[in-house]
Amino acid sequence: MNIKPLGDRVLVQPLDNKEEAKGGIIIPDSAKEKPQEGKVVAVGTGKRDDEGKVIAFNVKKGDKVLMPKYGGTEVKVDDKEYQIVREDDILAIIG
């Protein structure tokens, strides 16, 4: 992996939600909703407060997180899709 997020940004790999269509209906990728769950792949250098001290991250590499449906920046590296989001935009850590 050659992507290192900067500041308070987090690199997340979206997890595919396995959907089984009943009746043999195939839903094209363009009609599916974006996944809201993802796995943290890398964290940035950290956000700084007014005094210049680095604020520690609440998430760490390997955490399974819940993200908003829309937001962040989509990035494709080595045929894998990732999303770069600010730590403040992450809604929750799952289990």
PDB file of N, CA and C in Angstrom:
ATOM      1  N   MET A   1       0.855  -1.183   0.000  1.00  0.00           N
ATOM      2  CA  MET A   1       0.000   0.000   0.000  1.00  0.00           C
ATOM      3  C   MET A   1       0.891   1.232   0.000  1.00  0.00           C
ATOM      4  N   ASN A   2       0.674   2.098  -0.967  1.00  0.00           N
ATOM      5  CA  ASN A   2       1.501   3.290  -1.051  1.00  0.00           C
ATOM      6  C   ASN A   2       0.692   4.567  -0.850  1.00  0.00           C
ATOM      7  N   ILE A   3      -0.385   4.490  -0.073  1.00  0.00           N
ATOM      8  CA  ILE A   3      -1.175   5.675   0.256  1.00  0.00           C
ATOM      9  C   ILE A   3      -1.087   5.919   1.755  1.00  0.00           C
ATOM     10  N   LYS A   4      -0.692   7.124   2.138  1.00  0.00           N
ATOM     11  CA  LYS A   4      -0.630   7.516   3.540  1.00  0.00           C
ATOM     12  C   LYS A   4      -1.488   8.767   3.698  1.00  0.00           C
ATOM     13  N   PRO A   5      -2.654   8.656   4.354  1.00  0.00           N
ATOM     14  CA  PRO A   5      -3.495   9.840   4.545  1.00  0.00           C
ATOM     15  C   PRO A   5      -2.787  10.893   5.384  1.00  0.00           C
ATOM     16  N   LEU A   6      -3.139  12.144   5.173  1.00  0.00           N
ATOM     17  CA  LEU A   6      -2.550  13.244   5.924  1.00  0.00           C
ATOM     18  C   LEU A   6      -3.567  13.826   6.894  1.00  0.00           C
ATOM     19  N   GLY A   7      -3.088  14.476   7.921  1.00  0.00           N
ATOM     20  CA  GLY A   7      -3.961  15.130   8.886  1.00  0.00           C
ATOM     21  C   GLY A   7      -4.878  14.155   9.592  1.00  0.00           C
ATOM     22  N   ASP A   8      -6.146  14.539   9.704  1.00  0.00           N
ATOM     23  CA  ASP A   8      -7.108  13.699  10.422  1.00  0.00           C
ATOM     24  C   ASP A   8      -7.896  12.798   9.467  1.00  0.00           C
ATOM     25  N   ARG A   9      -7.315  12.473   8.333  1.00  0.00           N
ATOM     26  CA  ARG A   9      -7.996  11.628   7.352  1.00  0.00           C
ATOM     27  C   ARG A   9      -7.690  10.157   7.588  1.00  0.00           C
ATOM     28  N   VAL A  10      -8.655   9.318   7.173  1.00  0.00           N
ATOM     29  CA  VAL A  10      -8.568   7.872   7.371  1.00  0.00           C
ATOM     30  C   VAL A  10      -8.834   7.194   6.031  1.00  0.00           C
ATOM     31  N   LEU A  11      -8.029   6.205   5.671  1.00  0.00           N
ATOM     32  CA  LEU A  11      -8.227   5.422   4.456  1.00  0.00           C
ATOM     33  C   LEU A  11      -9.032   4.182   4.819  1.00  0.00           C
ATOM     34  N   VAL A  12     -10.205   4.031   4.193  1.00  0.00           N
ATOM     35  CA  VAL A  12     -11.126   2.950   4.523  1.00  0.00           C
ATOM     36  C   VAL A  12     -11.401   2.133   3.267  1.00  0.00           C
ATOM     37  N   GLN A  13     -11.382   0.813   3.417  1.00  0.00           N
ATOM     38  CA  GLN A  13     -11.768  -0.077   2.320  1.00  0.00           C
ATOM     39  C   GLN A  13     -13.219  -0.490   2.550  1.00  0.00           C
ATOM     40  N   PRO A  14     -14.135  -0.042   1.676  1.00  0.00           N
ATOM     41  CA  PRO A  14     -15.547  -0.398   1.858  1.00  0.00           C
ATOM     42  C   PRO A  14     -15.750  -1.907   1.797  1.00  0.00           C
ATOM     43  N   LEU A  15     -16.617  -2.416   2.669  1.00  0.00           N
ATOM     44  CA  LEU A  15     -16.949  -3.829   2.682  1.00  0.00           C
ATOM     45  C   LEU A  15     -18.203  -4.045   1.860  1.00  0.00           C
ATOM     46  N   ASP A  16     -18.168  -5.016   0.975  1.00  0.00           N
ATOM     47  CA  ASP A  16     -19.331  -5.301   0.143  1.00  0.00           C
ATOM     48  C   ASP A  16     -20.420  -5.944   0.977  1.00  0.00           C
ATOM     49  N   ASN A  17     -21.640  -5.440   0.801  1.00  0.00           N
ATOM     50  CA  ASN A  17     -22.795  -6.064   1.441  1.00  0.00           C
ATOM     51  C   ASN A  17     -23.311  -7.130   0.490  1.00  0.00           C
ATOM     52  N   LYS A  18     -23.225  -8.371   0.901  1.00  0.00           N
ATOM     53  CA  LYS A  18     -23.660  -9.477   0.060  1.00  0.00           C
ATOM     54  C   LYS A  18     -25.182  -9.453  -0.053  1.00  0.00           C
ATOM     55  N   GLU A  19     -25.662  -9.230  -1.266  1.00  0.00           N
ATOM     56  CA  GLU A  19     -27.103  -9.195  -1.494  1.00  0.00           C
ATOM     57  C   GLU A  19     -27.491 -10.340  -2.405  1.00  0.00           C
ATOM     58  N   GLU A  20     -28.479 -11.103  -1.966  1.00  0.00           N
ATOM     59  CA  GLU A  20     -29.000 -12.171  -2.797  1.00  0.00           C
ATOM     60  C   GLU A  20     -30.359 -11.743  -3.313  1.00  0.00           C
ATOM     61  N   ALA A  21     -30.471 -11.648  -4.612  1.00  0.00           N
ATOM     62  CA  ALA A  21     -31.736 -11.240  -5.204  1.00  0.00           C
ATOM     63  C   ALA A  21     -32.651 -12.450  -5.313  1.00  0.00           C
ATOM     64  N   LYS A  22     -33.876 -12.275  -4.858  1.00  0.00           N
ATOM     65  CA  LYS A  22     -34.848 -13.359  -4.956  1.00  0.00           C
ATOM     66  C   LYS A  22     -35.444 -13.349  -6.351  1.00  0.00           C
ATOM     67  N   GLY A  23     -35.711 -14.522  -6.871  1.00  0.00           N
ATOM     68  CA  GLY A  23     -36.335 -14.619  -8.184  1.00  0.00           C
ATOM     69  C   GLY A  23     -35.355 -14.471  -9.323  1.00  0.00           C
ATOM     70  N   GLY A  24     -34.066 -14.486  -9.035  1.00  0.00           N
ATOM     71  CA  GLY A  24     -33.057 -14.428 -10.086  1.00  0.00           C
ATOM     72  C   GLY A  24     -32.850 -13.047 -10.693  1.00  0.00           C
ATOM     73  N   ILE A  25     -33.319 -11.996 -10.021  1.00  0.00           N
ATOM     74  CA  ILE A  25     -33.143 -10.642 -10.546  1.00  0.00           C
ATOM     75  C   ILE A  25     -31.724 -10.175 -10.245  1.00  0.00           C
ATOM     76  N   ILE A  26     -31.046  -9.695 -11.267  1.00  0.00           N
ATOM     77  CA  ILE A  26     -29.675  -9.202 -11.104  1.00  0.00           C
ATOM     78  C   ILE A  26     -29.717  -7.678 -11.076  1.00  0.00           C
ATOM     79  N   ILE A  27     -29.163  -7.111 -10.014  1.00  0.00           N
ATOM     80  CA  ILE A  27     -29.138  -5.657  -9.859  1.00  0.00           C
ATOM     81  C   ILE A  27     -27.775  -5.148 -10.320  1.00  0.00           C
ATOM     82  N   PRO A  28     -27.733  -4.246 -11.298  1.00  0.00           N
ATOM     83  CA  PRO A  28     -26.440  -3.738 -11.755  1.00  0.00           C
ATOM     84  C   PRO A  28     -25.745  -2.922 -10.670  1.00  0.00           C
ATOM     85  N   ASP A  29     -24.413  -2.887 -10.735  1.00  0.00           N
ATOM     86  CA  ASP A  29     -23.623  -2.154  -9.739  1.00  0.00           C
ATOM     87  C   ASP A  29     -24.024  -0.685  -9.642  1.00  0.00           C
ATOM     88  N   SER A  30     -24.414  -0.094 -10.759  1.00  0.00           N
ATOM     89  CA  SER A  30     -24.767   1.329 -10.749  1.00  0.00           C
ATOM     90  C   SER A  30     -26.040   1.614  -9.967  1.00  0.00           C
ATOM     91  N   ALA A  31     -26.887   0.594  -9.752  1.00  0.00           N
ATOM     92  CA  ALA A  31     -28.143   0.791  -9.026  1.00  0.00           C
ATOM     93  C   ALA A  31     -28.028   0.436  -7.546  1.00  0.00           C
ATOM     94  N   LYS A  32     -26.933  -0.175  -7.153  1.00  0.00           N
ATOM     95  CA  LYS A  32     -26.758  -0.566  -5.753  1.00  0.00           C
ATOM     96  C   LYS A  32     -26.347   0.633  -4.910  1.00  0.00           C
ATOM     97  N   GLU A  33     -26.735   0.590  -3.636  1.00  0.00           N
ATOM     98  CA  GLU A  33     -26.318   1.650  -2.719  1.00  0.00           C
ATOM     99  C   GLU A  33     -24.859   1.455  -2.341  1.00  0.00           C
ATOM    100  N   LYS A  34     -24.213   2.555  -2.008  1.00  0.00           N
ATOM    101  CA  LYS A  34     -22.830   2.486  -1.562  1.00  0.00           C
ATOM    102  C   LYS A  34     -22.784   1.798  -0.199  1.00  0.00           C
ATOM    103  N   PRO A  35     -21.770   0.974   0.033  1.00  0.00           N
ATOM    104  CA  PRO A  35     -21.669   0.332   1.345  1.00  0.00           C
ATOM    105  C   PRO A  35     -21.368   1.343   2.439  1.00  0.00           C
ATOM    106  N   GLN A  36     -21.936   1.104   3.616  1.00  0.00           N
ATOM    107  CA  GLN A  36     -21.707   2.011   4.730  1.00  0.00           C
ATOM    108  C   GLN A  36     -20.673   1.453   5.695  1.00  0.00           C
ATOM    109  N   GLU A  37     -20.343   0.180   5.583  1.00  0.00           N
ATOM    110  CA  GLU A  37     -19.353  -0.423   6.467  1.00  0.00           C
ATOM    111  C   GLU A  37     -18.020  -0.498   5.745  1.00  0.00           C
ATOM    112  N   GLY A  38     -16.949  -0.360   6.512  1.00  0.00           N
ATOM    113  CA  GLY A  38     -15.628  -0.439   5.917  1.00  0.00           C
ATOM    114  C   GLY A  38     -14.592  -0.823   6.947  1.00  0.00           C
ATOM    115  N   LYS A  39     -13.412  -1.161   6.444  1.00  0.00           N
ATOM    116  CA  LYS A  39     -12.294  -1.549   7.302  1.00  0.00           C
ATOM    117  C   LYS A  39     -11.211  -0.482   7.172  1.00  0.00           C
ATOM    118  N   VAL A  40     -10.727   0.007   8.310  1.00  0.00           N
ATOM    119  CA  VAL A  40      -9.683   1.029   8.313  1.00  0.00           C
ATOM    120  C   VAL A  40      -8.373   0.394   7.842  1.00  0.00           C
ATOM    121  N   VAL A  41      -7.799   0.973   6.786  1.00  0.00           N
ATOM    122  CA  VAL A  41      -6.551   0.463   6.217  1.00  0.00           C
ATOM    123  C   VAL A  41      -5.358   1.279   6.711  1.00  0.00           C
ATOM    124  N   ALA A  42      -5.547   2.593   6.854  1.00  0.00           N
ATOM    125  CA  ALA A  42      -4.466   3.467   7.316  1.00  0.00           C
ATOM    126  C   ALA A  42      -5.065   4.724   7.933  1.00  0.00           C
ATOM    127  N   VAL A  43      -4.337   5.317   8.867  1.00  0.00           N
ATOM    128  CA  VAL A  43      -4.761   6.583   9.484  1.00  0.00           C
ATOM    129  C   VAL A  43      -3.703   7.639   9.189  1.00  0.00           C
ATOM    130  N   GLY A  44      -4.129   8.895   9.234  1.00  0.00           N
ATOM    131  CA  GLY A  44      -3.236  10.003   8.915  1.00  0.00           C
ATOM    132  C   GLY A  44      -2.272  10.340  10.031  1.00  0.00           C
ATOM    133  N   THR A  45      -1.713  11.526   9.932  1.00  0.00           N
ATOM    134  CA  THR A  45      -0.703  11.974  10.886  1.00  0.00           C
ATOM    135  C   THR A  45      -1.314  12.565  12.143  1.00  0.00           C
ATOM    136  N   GLY A  46      -2.602  12.888  12.108  1.00  0.00           N
ATOM    137  CA  GLY A  46      -3.298  13.399  13.287  1.00  0.00           C
ATOM    138  C   GLY A  46      -3.669  14.856  13.168  1.00  0.00           C
ATOM    139  N   LYS A  47      -4.751  15.203  13.811  1.00  0.00           N
ATOM    140  CA  LYS A  47      -5.233  16.577  13.845  1.00  0.00           C
ATOM    141  C   LYS A  47      -4.503  17.308  14.970  1.00  0.00           C
ATOM    142  N   ARG A  48      -4.284  18.600  14.793  1.00  0.00           N
ATOM    143  CA  ARG A  48      -3.586  19.380  15.813  1.00  0.00           C
ATOM    144  C   ARG A  48      -4.552  20.373  16.455  1.00  0.00           C
ATOM    145  N   ASP A  49      -4.365  20.568  17.763  1.00  0.00           N
ATOM    146  CA  ASP A  49      -5.195  21.550  18.466  1.00  0.00           C
ATOM    147  C   ASP A  49      -4.567  22.935  18.332  1.00  0.00           C
ATOM    148  N   ASP A  50      -5.135  23.905  19.015  1.00  0.00           N
ATOM    149  CA  ASP A  50      -4.657  25.297  18.911  1.00  0.00           C
ATOM    150  C   ASP A  50      -3.224  25.484  19.397  1.00  0.00           C
ATOM    151  N   GLU A  51      -2.775  24.605  20.292  1.00  0.00           N
ATOM    152  CA  GLU A  51      -1.415  24.706  20.821  1.00  0.00           C
ATOM    153  C   GLU A  51      -0.400  23.899  20.009  1.00  0.00           C
ATOM    154  N   GLY A  52      -0.876  23.208  18.965  1.00  0.00           N
ATOM    155  CA  GLY A  52       0.015  22.437  18.117  1.00  0.00           C
ATOM    156  C   GLY A  52       0.205  20.997  18.544  1.00  0.00           C
ATOM    157  N   LYS A  53      -0.496  20.563  19.588  1.00  0.00           N
ATOM    158  CA  LYS A  53      -0.382  19.172  20.049  1.00  0.00           C
ATOM    159  C   LYS A  53      -1.245  18.263  19.175  1.00  0.00           C
ATOM    160  N   VAL A  54      -0.724  17.076  18.895  1.00  0.00           N
ATOM    161  CA  VAL A  54      -1.449  16.117  18.066  1.00  0.00           C
ATOM    162  C   VAL A  54      -2.549  15.452  18.894  1.00  0.00           C
ATOM    163  N   ILE A  55      -3.763  15.438  18.338  1.00  0.00           N
ATOM    164  CA  ILE A  55      -4.901  14.779  18.986  1.00  0.00           C
ATOM    165  C   ILE A  55      -4.935  13.333  18.522  1.00  0.00           C
ATOM    166  N   ALA A  56      -4.993  12.406  19.451  1.00  0.00           N
ATOM    167  CA  ALA A  56      -4.968  10.977  19.120  1.00  0.00           C
ATOM    168  C   ALA A  56      -6.232  10.562  18.377  1.00  0.00           C
ATOM    169  N   PHE A  57      -6.081   9.580  17.480  1.00  0.00           N
ATOM    170  CA  PHE A  57      -7.211   9.032  16.732  1.00  0.00           C
ATOM    171  C   PHE A  57      -8.053   8.121  17.625  1.00  0.00           C
ATOM    172  N   ASN A  58      -9.359   8.071  17.358  1.00  0.00           N
ATOM    173  CA  ASN A  58     -10.252   7.139  18.039  1.00  0.00           C
ATOM    174  C   ASN A  58     -10.316   5.810  17.307  1.00  0.00           C
ATOM    175  N   VAL A  59      -9.936   5.799  16.021  1.00  0.00           N
ATOM    176  CA  VAL A  59      -9.933   4.566  15.239  1.00  0.00           C
ATOM    177  C   VAL A  59      -8.500   4.152  14.972  1.00  0.00           C
ATOM    178  N   LYS A  60      -8.324   2.867  14.696  1.00  0.00           N
ATOM    179  CA  LYS A  60      -6.987   2.359  14.380  1.00  0.00           C
ATOM    180  C   LYS A  60      -7.076   1.398  13.212  1.00  0.00           C
ATOM    181  N   LYS A  61      -5.947   1.070  12.639  1.00  0.00           N
ATOM    182  CA  LYS A  61      -5.882   0.159  11.507  1.00  0.00           C
ATOM    183  C   LYS A  61      -6.532  -1.170  11.892  1.00  0.00           C
ATOM    184  N   GLY A  62      -7.418  -1.653  11.022  1.00  0.00           N
ATOM    185  CA  GLY A  62      -8.093  -2.927  11.261  1.00  0.00           C
ATOM    186  C   GLY A  62      -9.492  -2.792  11.848  1.00  0.00           C
ATOM    187  N   ASP A  63      -9.856  -1.591  12.345  1.00  0.00           N
ATOM    188  CA  ASP A  63     -11.203  -1.382  12.900  1.00  0.00           C
ATOM    189  C   ASP A  63     -12.249  -1.470  11.794  1.00  0.00           C
ATOM    190  N   LYS A  64     -13.401  -2.038  12.136  1.00  0.00           N
ATOM    191  CA  LYS A  64     -14.556  -2.057  11.237  1.00  0.00           C
ATOM    192  C   LYS A  64     -15.411  -0.856  11.627  1.00  0.00           C
ATOM    193  N   VAL A  65     -15.692   0.031  10.659  1.00  0.00           N
ATOM    194  CA  VAL A  65     -16.367   1.287  10.969  1.00  0.00           C
ATOM    195  C   VAL A  65     -17.624   1.466  10.120  1.00  0.00           C
ATOM    196  N   LEU A  66     -18.482   2.357  10.595  1.00  0.00           N
ATOM    197  CA  LEU A  66     -19.696   2.744   9.899  1.00  0.00           C
ATOM    198  C   LEU A  66     -19.487   4.157   9.364  1.00  0.00           C
ATOM    199  N   MET A  67     -19.659   4.307   8.038  1.00  0.00           N
ATOM    200  CA  MET A  67     -19.423   5.596   7.388  1.00  0.00           C
ATOM    201  C   MET A  67     -20.737   6.152   6.849  1.00  0.00           C
ATOM    202  N   PRO A  68     -20.792   7.450   6.577  1.00  0.00           N
ATOM    203  CA  PRO A  68     -21.984   8.007   5.946  1.00  0.00           C
ATOM    204  C   PRO A  68     -22.092   7.508   4.501  1.00  0.00           C
ATOM    205  N   LYS A  69     -23.313   7.474   3.965  1.00  0.00           N
ATOM    206  CA  LYS A  69     -23.510   7.003   2.590  1.00  0.00           C
ATOM    207  C   LYS A  69     -22.784   7.881   1.587  1.00  0.00           C
ATOM    208  N   TYR A  70     -22.818   9.175   1.834  1.00  0.00           N
ATOM    209  CA  TYR A  70     -22.203  10.110   0.896  1.00  0.00           C
ATOM    210  C   TYR A  70     -21.158  10.931   1.632  1.00  0.00           C
ATOM    211  N   GLY A  71     -20.043  11.125   1.005  1.00  0.00           N
ATOM    212  CA  GLY A  71     -18.976  11.889   1.630  1.00  0.00           C
ATOM    213  C   GLY A  71     -17.644  11.209   1.403  1.00  0.00           C
ATOM    214  N   GLY A  72     -16.602  11.900   1.701  1.00  0.00           N
ATOM    215  CA  GLY A  72     -15.270  11.353   1.493  1.00  0.00           C
ATOM    216  C   GLY A  72     -14.873  11.416   0.031  1.00  0.00           C
ATOM    217  N   THR A  73     -13.713  10.892  -0.251  1.00  0.00           N
ATOM    218  CA  THR A  73     -13.175  10.861  -1.609  1.00  0.00           C
ATOM    219  C   THR A  73     -12.886   9.428  -2.003  1.00  0.00           C
ATOM    220  N   GLU A  74     -13.448   9.000  -3.132  1.00  0.00           N
ATOM    221  CA  GLU A  74     -13.203   7.643  -3.607  1.00  0.00           C
ATOM    222  C   GLU A  74     -11.878   7.595  -4.346  1.00  0.00           C
ATOM    223  N   VAL A  75     -11.086   6.550  -4.065  1.00  0.00           N
ATOM    224  CA  VAL A  75      -9.779   6.370  -4.674  1.00  0.00           C
ATOM    225  C   VAL A  75      -9.674   4.924  -5.125  1.00  0.00           C
ATOM    226  N   LYS A  76      -9.037   4.695  -6.289  1.00  0.00           N
ATOM    227  CA  LYS A  76      -8.842   3.332  -6.779  1.00  0.00           C
ATOM    228  C   LYS A  76      -7.340   3.089  -6.930  1.00  0.00           C
ATOM    229  N   VAL A  77      -6.838   2.063  -6.228  1.00  0.00           N
ATOM    230  CA  VAL A  77      -5.421   1.718  -6.275  1.00  0.00           C
ATOM    231  C   VAL A  77      -5.300   0.218  -6.498  1.00  0.00           C
ATOM    232  N   ASP A  78      -4.541  -0.189  -7.503  1.00  0.00           N
ATOM    233  CA  ASP A  78      -4.336  -1.607  -7.812  1.00  0.00           C
ATOM    234  C   ASP A  78      -5.669  -2.350  -7.920  1.00  0.00           C
ATOM    235  N   ASP A  79      -6.633  -1.761  -8.633  1.00  0.00           N
ATOM    236  CA  ASP A  79      -7.964  -2.340  -8.865  1.00  0.00           C
ATOM    237  C   ASP A  79      -8.762  -2.563  -7.588  1.00  0.00           C
ATOM    238  N   LYS A  80      -8.404  -1.909  -6.499  1.00  0.00           N
ATOM    239  CA  LYS A  80      -9.176  -1.964  -5.259  1.00  0.00           C
ATOM    240  C   LYS A  80      -9.700  -0.569  -4.970  1.00  0.00           C
ATOM    241  N   GLU A  81     -10.952  -0.511  -4.496  1.00  0.00           N
ATOM    242  CA  GLU A  81     -11.554   0.777  -4.202  1.00  0.00           C
ATOM    243  C   GLU A  81     -11.410   1.110  -2.725  1.00  0.00           C
ATOM    244  N   TYR A  82     -11.080   2.368  -2.461  1.00  0.00           N
ATOM    245  CA  TYR A  82     -10.930   2.870  -1.102  1.00  0.00           C
ATOM    246  C   TYR A  82     -11.682   4.187  -0.990  1.00  0.00           C
ATOM    247  N   GLN A  83     -11.867   4.626   0.239  1.00  0.00           N
ATOM    248  CA  GLN A  83     -12.493   5.910   0.484  1.00  0.00           C
ATOM    249  C   GLN A  83     -11.662   6.638   1.543  1.00  0.00           C
ATOM    250  N   ILE A  84     -11.355   7.899   1.281  1.00  0.00           N
ATOM    251  CA  ILE A  84     -10.639   8.714   2.257  1.00  0.00           C
ATOM    252  C   ILE A  84     -11.665   9.634   2.911  1.00  0.00           C
ATOM    253  N   VAL A  85     -11.802   9.511   4.241  1.00  0.00           N
ATOM    254  CA  VAL A  85     -12.760  10.318   4.991  1.00  0.00           C
ATOM    255  C   VAL A  85     -12.056  10.955   6.184  1.00  0.00           C
ATOM    256  N   ARG A  86     -12.619  12.037   6.661  1.00  0.00           N
ATOM    257  CA  ARG A  86     -12.107  12.630   7.898  1.00  0.00           C
ATOM    258  C   ARG A  86     -12.572  11.773   9.067  1.00  0.00           C
ATOM    259  N   GLU A  87     -11.777  11.712  10.108  1.00  0.00           N
ATOM    260  CA  GLU A  87     -12.164  10.904  11.266  1.00  0.00           C
ATOM    261  C   GLU A  87     -13.490  11.389  11.846  1.00  0.00           C
ATOM    262  N   ASP A  88     -13.732  12.692  11.801  1.00  0.00           N
ATOM    263  CA  ASP A  88     -14.986  13.248  12.318  1.00  0.00           C
ATOM    264  C   ASP A  88     -16.207  12.730  11.554  1.00  0.00           C
ATOM    265  N   ASP A  89     -16.011  12.309  10.296  1.00  0.00           N
ATOM    266  CA  ASP A  89     -17.129  11.820   9.483  1.00  0.00           C
ATOM    267  C   ASP A  89     -17.475  10.360   9.769  1.00  0.00           C
ATOM    268  N   ILE A  90     -16.594   9.630  10.430  1.00  0.00           N
ATOM    269  CA  ILE A  90     -16.878   8.234  10.772  1.00  0.00           C
ATOM    270  C   ILE A  90     -17.918   8.223  11.869  1.00  0.00           C
ATOM    271  N   LEU A  91     -18.989   7.453  11.649  1.00  0.00           N
ATOM    272  CA  LEU A  91     -20.132   7.467  12.557  1.00  0.00           C
ATOM    273  C   LEU A  91     -19.938   6.572  13.772  1.00  0.00           C
ATOM    274  N   ALA A  92     -19.310   5.398  13.593  1.00  0.00           N
ATOM    275  CA  ALA A  92     -19.181   4.456  14.715  1.00  0.00           C
ATOM    276  C   ALA A  92     -18.141   3.399  14.396  1.00  0.00           C
ATOM    277  N   ILE A  93     -17.634   2.768  15.449  1.00  0.00           N
ATOM    278  CA  ILE A  93     -16.784   1.582  15.333  1.00  0.00           C
ATOM    279  C   ILE A  93     -17.682   0.391  15.611  1.00  0.00           C
ATOM    280  N   ILE A  94     -17.652  -0.619  14.726  1.00  0.00           N
ATOM    281  CA  ILE A  94     -18.519  -1.779  14.863  1.00  0.00           C
ATOM    282  C   ILE A  94     -17.777  -2.895  15.582  1.00  0.00           C
ATOM    283  N   GLY A  95     -18.401  -3.384  16.658  1.00  0.00           N
ATOM    284  CA  GLY A  95     -17.978  -4.546  17.426  1.00  0.00           C
ATOM    285  C   GLY A  95     -16.557  -4.700  17.673  1.00  0.00           C
TER     286      GLY A  95
END
